[in-house]
C-alpha atoms as a PDB file:
ATOM      1  CA  MET A   1     125.959-106.147-134.700  1.00  0.00           C
ATOM      2  CA  LYS A   2     123.571-104.398-137.458  1.00  0.00           C
ATOM      3  CA  MET A   3     120.943-101.804-135.819  1.00  0.00           C
ATOM      4  CA  LYS A   4     117.257-103.016-135.813  1.00  0.00           C
ATOM      5  CA  ALA A   5     115.748-100.507-137.948  1.00  0.00           C
ATOM      6  CA  VAL A   6     111.823-100.194-139.162  1.00  0.00           C
ATOM      7  CA  PHE A   7     111.411 -98.569-142.699  1.00  0.00           C
ATOM      8  CA  ASN A   8     108.501 -96.452-143.083  1.00  0.00           C
ATOM      9  CA  TRP A   9     106.946 -97.454-146.483  1.00  0.00           C
ATOM     10  CA  SER A  10     104.790 -95.820-148.790  1.00  0.00           C
ATOM     11  CA  GLY A  11     104.723 -97.953-151.659  1.00  0.00           C
ATOM     12  CA  GLY A  12     105.905 -95.601-153.650  1.00  0.00           C
ATOM     13  CA  LYS A  13     109.534 -93.860-155.658  1.00  0.00           C
ATOM     14  CA  ASP A  14     111.266 -91.996-153.171  1.00  0.00           C
ATOM     15  CA  SER A  15     110.840 -94.810-150.396  1.00  0.00           C
ATOM     16  CA  ALA A  16     111.530 -97.491-152.805  1.00  0.00           C
ATOM     17  CA  LEU A  17     114.807 -95.619-153.442  1.00  0.00           C
ATOM     18  CA  ALA A  18     115.305 -95.156-149.841  1.00  0.00           C
ATOM     19  CA  LEU A  19     115.164 -98.307-149.121  1.00  0.00           C
ATOM     20  CA  GLN A  20     116.994 -99.836-151.611  1.00  0.00           C
ATOM     21  CA  LYS A  21     119.922 -97.651-150.411  1.00  0.00           C
ATOM     22  CA  ILE A  22     119.090 -98.936-146.462  1.00  0.00           C
ATOM     23  CA  LEU A  23     119.261-102.481-147.954  1.00  0.00           C
ATOM     24  CA  GLN A  24     122.950-101.737-149.363  1.00  0.00           C
ATOM     25  CA  ASP A  25     124.072-100.297-146.046  1.00  0.00           C
ATOM     26  CA  PRO A  26     125.820-103.241-143.611  1.00  0.00           C
ATOM     27  CA  GLN A  27     124.896-100.993-140.657  1.00  0.00           C
ATOM     28  CA  TYR A  28     121.166-101.770-140.595  1.00  0.00           C
ATOM     29  CA  GLU A  29     118.984-104.732-140.150  1.00  0.00           C
ATOM     30  CA  VAL A  30     115.279-103.796-141.417  1.00  0.00           C
ATOM     31  CA  VAL A  31     113.358-105.546-139.608  1.00  0.00           C
ATOM     32  CA  SER A  32     109.183-104.402-141.190  1.00  0.00           C
ATOM     33  CA  LEU A  33     108.088-102.378-142.964  1.00  0.00           C
ATOM     34  CA  LEU A  34     105.113-100.001-141.444  1.00  0.00           C
ATOM     35  CA  THR A  35     102.617 -98.519-143.672  1.00  0.00           C
ATOM     36  CA  THR A  36      99.917 -96.340-142.747  1.00  0.00           C
ATOM     37  CA  VAL A  37      96.139 -97.175-144.650  1.00  0.00           C
ATOM     38  CA  ASN A  38      92.676 -95.789-144.438  1.00  0.00           C
ATOM     39  CA  SER A  39      90.382 -98.581-142.693  1.00  0.00           C
ATOM     40  CA  GLY A  40      87.546 -97.381-144.088  1.00  0.00           C
ATOM     41  CA  ASN A  41      88.919 -97.922-148.311  1.00  0.00           C
ATOM     42  CA  GLN A  42      91.711-100.351-147.269  1.00  0.00           C
ATOM     43  CA  ARG A  43      94.054 -98.144-148.728  1.00  0.00           C
ATOM     44  CA  SER A  44      97.661 -96.405-148.169  1.00  0.00           C
ATOM     45  CA  SER A  45      96.881 -92.537-147.137  1.00  0.00           C
ATOM     46  CA  MET A  46      98.005 -90.719-150.119  1.00  0.00           C
ATOM     47  CA  HIS A  47      99.295 -93.255-152.557  1.00  0.00           C
ATOM     48  CA  ALA A  48      96.051 -94.805-152.647  1.00  0.00           C
ATOM     49  CA  ILE A  49      97.030 -98.305-153.031  1.00  0.00           C
ATOM     50  CA  PRO A  50      95.684-101.564-151.771  1.00  0.00           C
ATOM     51  CA  VAL A  51      96.390-103.370-148.741  1.00  0.00           C
ATOM     52  CA  SER A  52      96.622-106.493-151.069  1.00  0.00           C
ATOM     53  CA  LEU A  53      99.347-104.596-153.350  1.00  0.00           C
ATOM     54  CA  LEU A  54     100.952-103.616-150.089  1.00  0.00           C
ATOM     55  CA  ARG A  55     101.389-106.914-148.977  1.00  0.00           C
ATOM     56  CA  MET A  56     102.883-108.373-151.943  1.00  0.00           C
ATOM     57  CA  GLN A  57     105.607-105.669-152.473  1.00  0.00           C
ATOM     58  CA  ALA A  58     106.231-107.163-148.833  1.00  0.00           C
ATOM     59  CA  GLU A  59     106.114-110.408-149.716  1.00  0.00           C
ATOM     60  CA  SER A  60     108.387-109.759-153.252  1.00  0.00           C
ATOM     61  CA  LEU A  61     110.855-107.306-150.906  1.00  0.00           C
ATOM     62  CA  GLY A  62     111.279-110.392-148.272  1.00  0.00           C
ATOM     63  CA  ILE A  63     110.397-107.735-145.265  1.00  0.00           C
ATOM     64  CA  PRO A  64     107.376-108.720-142.713  1.00  0.00           C
ATOM     65  CA  LEU A  65     104.770-105.877-143.274  1.00  0.00           C
ATOM     66  CA  TYR A  66     103.268-104.000-140.636  1.00  0.00           C
ATOM     67  CA  ILE A  67     100.214-101.870-140.995  1.00  0.00           C
ATOM     68  CA  ILE A  68      98.334 -99.220-138.595  1.00  0.00           C
ATOM     69  CA  GLU A  69      94.965 -98.159-139.889  1.00  0.00           C
ATOM     70  CA  LEU A  70      93.730 -95.233-139.462  1.00  0.00           C
ATOM     71  CA  ALA A  71      90.363 -93.528-139.161  1.00  0.00           C
ATOM     72  CA  PRO A  72      88.927 -92.331-142.561  1.00  0.00           C
ATOM     73  CA  ASP A  73      88.813 -88.647-140.887  1.00  0.00           C
ATOM     74  CA  GLY A  74      92.683 -88.364-140.573  1.00  0.00           C
ATOM     75  CA  THR A  75      93.527 -86.243-137.807  1.00  0.00           C
ATOM     76  CA  MET A  76      97.141 -85.857-136.402  1.00  0.00           C
ATOM     77  CA  GLU A  77      95.636 -86.795-133.180  1.00  0.00           C
ATOM     78  CA  GLY A  78      94.665 -90.156-134.663  1.00  0.00           C
ATOM     79  CA  TYR A  79      98.011 -90.608-136.578  1.00  0.00           C
ATOM     80  CA  ALA A  80      99.634 -89.726-132.954  1.00  0.00           C
ATOM     81  CA  SER A  81      97.427 -92.116-131.203  1.00  0.00           C
ATOM     82  CA  ALA A  82      98.188 -94.812-133.615  1.00  0.00           C
ATOM     83  CA  MET A  83     101.997 -94.341-134.377  1.00  0.00           C
ATOM     84  CA  ARG A  84     102.699 -94.203-130.429  1.00  0.00           C
ATOM     85  CA  GLY A  85     101.409 -98.027-130.325  1.00  0.00           C
ATOM     86  CA  ALA A  86     103.617 -99.525-133.048  1.00  0.00           C
ATOM     87  CA  VAL A  87     106.284 -97.369-131.462  1.00  0.00           C
ATOM     88  CA  GLU A  88     106.473 -99.275-128.337  1.00  0.00           C
ATOM     89  CA  HIS A  89     105.705-102.574-130.279  1.00  0.00           C
ATOM     90  CA  PHE A  90     108.995-102.503-132.312  1.00  0.00           C
ATOM     91  CA  LYS A  91     110.860-100.501-129.450  1.00  0.00           C
ATOM     92  CA  ALA A  92     110.102-103.623-127.698  1.00  0.00           C
ATOM     93  CA  MET A  93     111.592-105.930-130.339  1.00  0.00           C
ATOM     94  CA  GLY A  94     115.052-103.962-129.966  1.00  0.00           C
ATOM     95  CA  VAL A  95     114.440-101.990-132.881  1.00  0.00           C
ATOM     96  CA  THR A  96     116.566 -98.586-132.493  1.00  0.00           C
ATOM     97  CA  HIS A  97     115.727 -96.638-135.774  1.00  0.00           C
ATOM     98  CA  PHE A  98     112.838 -95.663-137.620  1.00  0.00           C
ATOM     99  CA  ILE A  99     113.326 -95.005-141.679  1.00  0.00           C
ATOM    100  CA  PHE A 100     112.000 -92.553-143.813  1.00  0.00           C
ATOM    101  CA  GLY A 101     112.364 -91.614-147.705  1.00  0.00           C
ATOM    102  CA  ASP A 102     111.639 -87.539-147.284  1.00  0.00           C
ATOM    103  CA  ILE A 103     114.150 -85.434-149.076  1.00  0.00           C
ATOM    104  CA  PHE A 104     113.677 -81.730-147.795  1.00  0.00           C
ATOM    105  CA  LEU A 105     110.707 -81.563-145.812  1.00  0.00           C
ATOM    106  CA  HIS A 106     111.936 -79.827-142.431  1.00  0.00           C
ATOM    107  CA  ASP A 107     108.934 -79.893-140.907  1.00  0.00           C
ATOM    108  CA  VAL A 108     107.920 -82.780-141.885  1.00  0.00           C
ATOM    109  CA  ARG A 109     111.361 -84.733-140.084  1.00  0.00           C
ATOM    110  CA  THR A 110     111.177 -81.878-136.925  1.00  0.00           C
ATOM    111  CA  TYR A 111     107.983 -83.524-136.504  1.00  0.00           C
ATOM    112  CA  ARG A 112     109.259 -87.425-136.631  1.00  0.00           C
ATOM    113  CA  GLU A 113     112.014 -86.729-134.258  1.00  0.00           C
ATOM    114  CA  LYS A 114     109.681 -84.552-131.846  1.00  0.00           C
ATOM    115  CA  GLN A 115     107.590 -87.795-131.710  1.00  0.00           C
ATOM    116  CA  LEU A 116     110.360 -91.109-131.481  1.00  0.00           C
ATOM    117  CA  GLN A 117     112.977 -88.861-129.200  1.00  0.00           C
ATOM    118  CA  PRO A 118     111.295 -89.847-126.182  1.00  0.00           C
ATOM    119  CA  TYR A 119     111.583 -93.520-127.196  1.00  0.00           C
ATOM    120  CA  GLY A 120     115.509 -93.450-128.051  1.00  0.00           C
ATOM    121  CA  ILE A 121     114.463 -93.926-131.653  1.00  0.00           C
ATOM    122  CA  GLU A 122     116.351 -92.113-134.152  1.00  0.00           C
ATOM    123  CA  VAL A 123     115.470 -91.200-137.215  1.00  0.00           C
ATOM    124  CA  VAL A 124     117.639 -91.928-140.811  1.00  0.00           C
ATOM    125  CA  GLU A 125     116.420 -90.358-143.653  1.00  0.00           C
ATOM    126  CA  PRO A 126     118.791 -91.533-146.556  1.00  0.00           C
ATOM    127  CA  LEU A 127     117.941 -89.035-149.329  1.00  0.00           C
ATOM    128  CA  TRP A 128     117.797 -86.409-146.707  1.00  0.00           C
ATOM    129  CA  ASN A 129     119.556 -82.538-147.928  1.00  0.00           C
ATOM    130  CA  LEU A 130     119.785 -84.355-151.722  1.00  0.00           C
ATOM    131  CA  THR A 131     117.845 -81.856-154.535  1.00  0.00           C
ATOM    132  CA  SER A 132     114.410 -83.018-156.184  1.00  0.00           C
ATOM    133  CA  GLU A 133     117.120 -83.434-159.162  1.00  0.00           C
ATOM    134  CA  GLU A 134     119.490 -85.562-157.555  1.00  0.00           C
ATOM    135  CA  VAL A 135     116.825 -87.660-156.259  1.00  0.00           C
ATOM    136  CA  MET A 136     115.491 -88.544-159.452  1.00  0.00           C
ATOM    137  CA  ASP A 137     118.829 -89.197-161.267  1.00  0.00           C
ATOM    138  CA  ASP A 138     119.498 -91.775-158.415  1.00  0.00           C
ATOM    139  CA  PHE A 139     116.120 -93.530-159.154  1.00  0.00           C
ATOM    140  CA  LEU A 140     116.410 -93.347-162.378  1.00  0.00           C
ATOM    141  CA  ALA A 141     119.864 -95.081-162.540  1.00  0.00           C
ATOM    142  CA  SER A 142     118.131 -97.455-159.817  1.00  0.00           C
ATOM    143  CA  GLY A 143     116.530-100.181-162.059  1.00  0.00           C
ATOM    144  CA  LEU A 144     113.501 -99.362-159.528  1.00  0.00           C
ATOM    145  CA  GLN A 145     110.243 -99.352-161.603  1.00  0.00           C
ATOM    146  CA  THR A 146     107.767 -96.985-160.929  1.00  0.00           C
ATOM    147  CA  ILE A 147     104.471 -95.444-162.575  1.00  0.00           C
ATOM    148  CA  ILE A 148     102.353 -92.325-161.404  1.00  0.00           C
ATOM    149  CA  VAL A 149      98.873 -93.301-159.664  1.00  0.00           C
ATOM    150  CA  THR A 150      97.895 -89.766-157.820  1.00  0.00           C
ATOM    151  CA  THR A 151      97.536 -86.485-159.253  1.00  0.00           C
ATOM    152  CA  MET A 152      96.705 -83.347-157.944  1.00  0.00           C
ATOM    153  CA  ALA A 153      94.365 -82.192-161.158  1.00  0.00           C
ATOM    154  CA  ASP A 154      95.552 -78.743-161.228  1.00  0.00           C
ATOM    155  CA  VAL A 155      98.907 -79.369-162.252  1.00  0.00           C
ATOM    156  CA  LEU A 156      99.092 -83.054-163.958  1.00  0.00           C
ATOM    157  CA  ASP A 157      96.032 -84.129-165.581  1.00  0.00           C
ATOM    158  CA  GLU A 158      94.359 -87.798-166.282  1.00  0.00           C
ATOM    159  CA  ARG A 159      96.757 -88.520-169.374  1.00  0.00           C
ATOM    160  CA  PHE A 160      99.837 -89.058-166.301  1.00  0.00           C
ATOM    161  CA  ILE A 161      98.056 -91.689-164.880  1.00  0.00           C
ATOM    162  CA  GLY A 162      99.681 -94.882-165.124  1.00  0.00           C
ATOM    163  CA  ARG A 163     102.714 -93.255-166.622  1.00  0.00           C
ATOM    164  CA  LEU A 164     106.564 -95.122-166.066  1.00  0.00           C
ATOM    165  CA  ILE A 165     108.586 -92.753-164.236  1.00  0.00           C
ATOM    166  CA  ASP A 166     111.428 -92.025-166.966  1.00  0.00           C
ATOM    167  CA  ARG A 167     113.057 -89.425-168.960  1.00  0.00           C
ATOM    168  CA  GLU A 168     110.109 -89.150-171.546  1.00  0.00           C
ATOM    169  CA  LEU A 169     107.798 -88.511-168.824  1.00  0.00           C
ATOM    170  CA  LEU A 170     110.215 -85.521-167.431  1.00  0.00           C
ATOM    171  CA  ALA A 171     110.084 -83.799-170.326  1.00  0.00           C
ATOM    172  CA  GLU A 172     106.461 -83.527-170.444  1.00  0.00           C
ATOM    173  CA  LEU A 173     105.913 -82.379-166.730  1.00  0.00           C
ATOM    174  CA  PRO A 174     105.108 -78.964-166.177  1.00  0.00           C
ATOM    175  CA  ALA A 175     107.679 -75.574-166.014  1.00  0.00           C
ATOM    176  CA  GLY A 176     108.553 -74.809-162.495  1.00  0.00           C
ATOM    177  CA  MET A 177     107.524 -77.989-161.321  1.00  0.00           C
ATOM    178  CA  ASP A 178     109.041 -80.240-158.254  1.00  0.00           C
ATOM    179  CA  VAL A 179     110.793 -83.361-160.275  1.00  0.00           C
ATOM    180  CA  CYS A 180     109.751 -85.547-157.580  1.00  0.00           C
ATOM    181  CA  GLY A 181     106.715 -84.364-156.636  1.00  0.00           C
ATOM    182  CA  GLU A 182     107.126 -83.565-152.709  1.00  0.00           C
ATOM    183  CA  ASN A 183     105.151 -80.730-152.781  1.00  0.00           C
ATOM    184  CA  GLY A 184     102.586 -83.310-153.136  1.00  0.00           C
ATOM    185  CA  GLU A 185     101.876 -83.056-157.170  1.00  0.00           C
ATOM    186  CA  TYR A 186     101.966 -86.645-157.681  1.00  0.00           C
ATOM    187  CA  HIS A 187     102.537 -90.170-156.109  1.00  0.00           C
ATOM    188  CA  THR A 188     103.431 -93.073-157.092  1.00  0.00           C
ATOM    189  CA  PHE A 189     103.331 -97.087-157.182  1.00  0.00           C
ATOM    190  CA  CYS A 190     106.835 -99.098-157.592  1.00  0.00           C
ATOM    191  CA  TYR A 191     106.210-102.641-158.768  1.00  0.00           C
ATOM    192  CA  ASP A 192     109.455-103.858-159.830  1.00  0.00           C
ATOM    193  CA  GLY A 193     113.223-103.360-159.366  1.00  0.00           C
ATOM    194  CA  PRO A 194     116.574-105.050-157.999  1.00  0.00           C
ATOM    195  CA  MET A 195     115.628-105.340-154.989  1.00  0.00           C
ATOM    196  CA  PHE A 196     112.303-107.469-155.704  1.00  0.00           C
ATOM    197  CA  ARG A 197     112.301-110.671-155.867  1.00  0.00           C
ATOM    198  CA  PHE A 198     109.457-110.588-158.229  1.00  0.00           C
ATOM    199  CA  PRO A 199     107.389-108.399-159.874  1.00  0.00           C
ATOM    200  CA  VAL A 200     104.339-106.858-158.497  1.00  0.00           C
ATOM    201  CA  PRO A 201     101.504-107.613-160.414  1.00  0.00           C
ATOM    202  CA  TYR A 202      98.632-104.976-161.051  1.00  0.00           C
ATOM    203  CA  THR A 203      95.756-103.401-162.585  1.00  0.00           C
ATOM    204  CA  LEU A 204      94.760 -99.882-163.216  1.00  0.00           C
ATOM    205  CA  GLY A 205      91.096 -99.467-163.237  1.00  0.00           C
ATOM    206  CA  ASP A 206      89.112 -96.360-164.542  1.00  0.00           C
ATOM    207  CA  SER A 207      90.837 -93.403-163.203  1.00  0.00           C
ATOM    208  CA  LEU A 208      88.935 -91.555-160.652  1.00  0.00           C
ATOM    209  CA  HIS A 209      88.178 -87.496-160.099  1.00  0.00           C
ATOM    210  CA  ILE A 210      88.161 -86.858-156.736  1.00  0.00           C
ATOM    211  CA  THR A 211      88.187 -83.880-154.035  1.00  0.00           C
ATOM    212  CA  HIS A 212      88.935 -83.400-150.881  1.00  0.00           C
ATOM    213  CA  PRO A 213      87.940 -80.487-148.359  1.00  0.00           C
ATOM    214  CA  VAL A 214      91.106 -79.456-146.462  1.00  0.00           C
ATOM    215  CA  LYS A 215      90.877 -76.380-143.350  1.00  0.00           C
ATOM    216  CA  LEU A 216      93.317 -73.968-144.013  1.00  0.00           C
ATOM    217  CA  ASP A 217      95.056 -71.648-141.660  1.00  0.00           C
ATOM    218  CA  ASP A 218      92.291 -68.811-141.755  1.00  0.00           C
ATOM    219  CA  TRP A 219      89.812 -71.195-141.171  1.00  0.00           C
ATOM    220  CA  THR A 220      88.398 -71.160-144.543  1.00  0.00           C
ATOM    221  CA  THR A 221      87.882 -74.554-146.071  1.00  0.00           C
ATOM    222  CA  LYS A 222      89.378 -75.135-150.060  1.00  0.00           C
ATOM    223  CA  GLU A 223      88.573 -78.025-152.239  1.00  0.00           C
ATOM    224  CA  TYR A 224      91.631 -79.918-153.822  1.00  0.00           C
ATOM    225  CA  ALA A 225      91.062 -82.056-156.817  1.00  0.00           C
ATOM    226  CA  TYR A 226      93.350 -85.354-157.296  1.00  0.00           C
ATOM    227  CA  TRP A 227      92.861 -88.103-160.205  1.00  0.00           C
ATOM    228  CA  TYR A 228      93.374 -91.658-158.301  1.00  0.00           C
ATOM    229  CA  GLY A 229      94.288 -94.249-160.855  1.00  0.00           C
ATOM    230  CA  ASN A 230      92.329 -97.081-159.197  1.00  0.00           C
ATOM    231  CA  LEU A 231      95.244 -99.678-158.015  1.00  0.00           C
ATOM    232  CA  ILE A 232      93.526-103.112-158.600  1.00  0.00           C
ATOM    233  CA  ASP A 233      95.323-106.197-157.711  1.00  0.00           C
END
């Protein structure tokens, strides 16, 4: 029998690549996608994908979508509490694995394992320990179609919003930058590919320049600036 799994879905390229790999693995039955959204603006946490487009992605993929709404202040305590409810829900359905699209952020994986281990749920990472270059090569060969929808403004300017992830784009990225944006340099929206039953229609509105205050370890606050593509269904 296949092992029941939940796929933690961001809607972006690494998530899509990891899901496409898992759907080709006979060990797993993906019973649901799981996505966190900001309850204030009804968009996904970092990618800022509207709930309506997340639902259309799930419909095209033919997999149910489970949405966790997080408070706009986005505290780790709030996230952990909301996730516990979701984990308990899926544990009752017989789910034994949670799947993520991380690459090499060990602290993130350790956190996930610590949170899920008490429930007897195993973390699966299809892209784990690949280099960013290897992941990008796999992505470009996958047939998945993805655009940039968010950038760190001091790394990639407004011109990169809406750009398709392809070889031409990679040649324009700043030297020394992680090609997959694993350090938060950019986030993406995947709208088509072999595992999709139909392309997800979308529109990009006017780009938005937004700053977020972030508290650092020394208790000081630093402003981080981002460009958002303002995705519209």
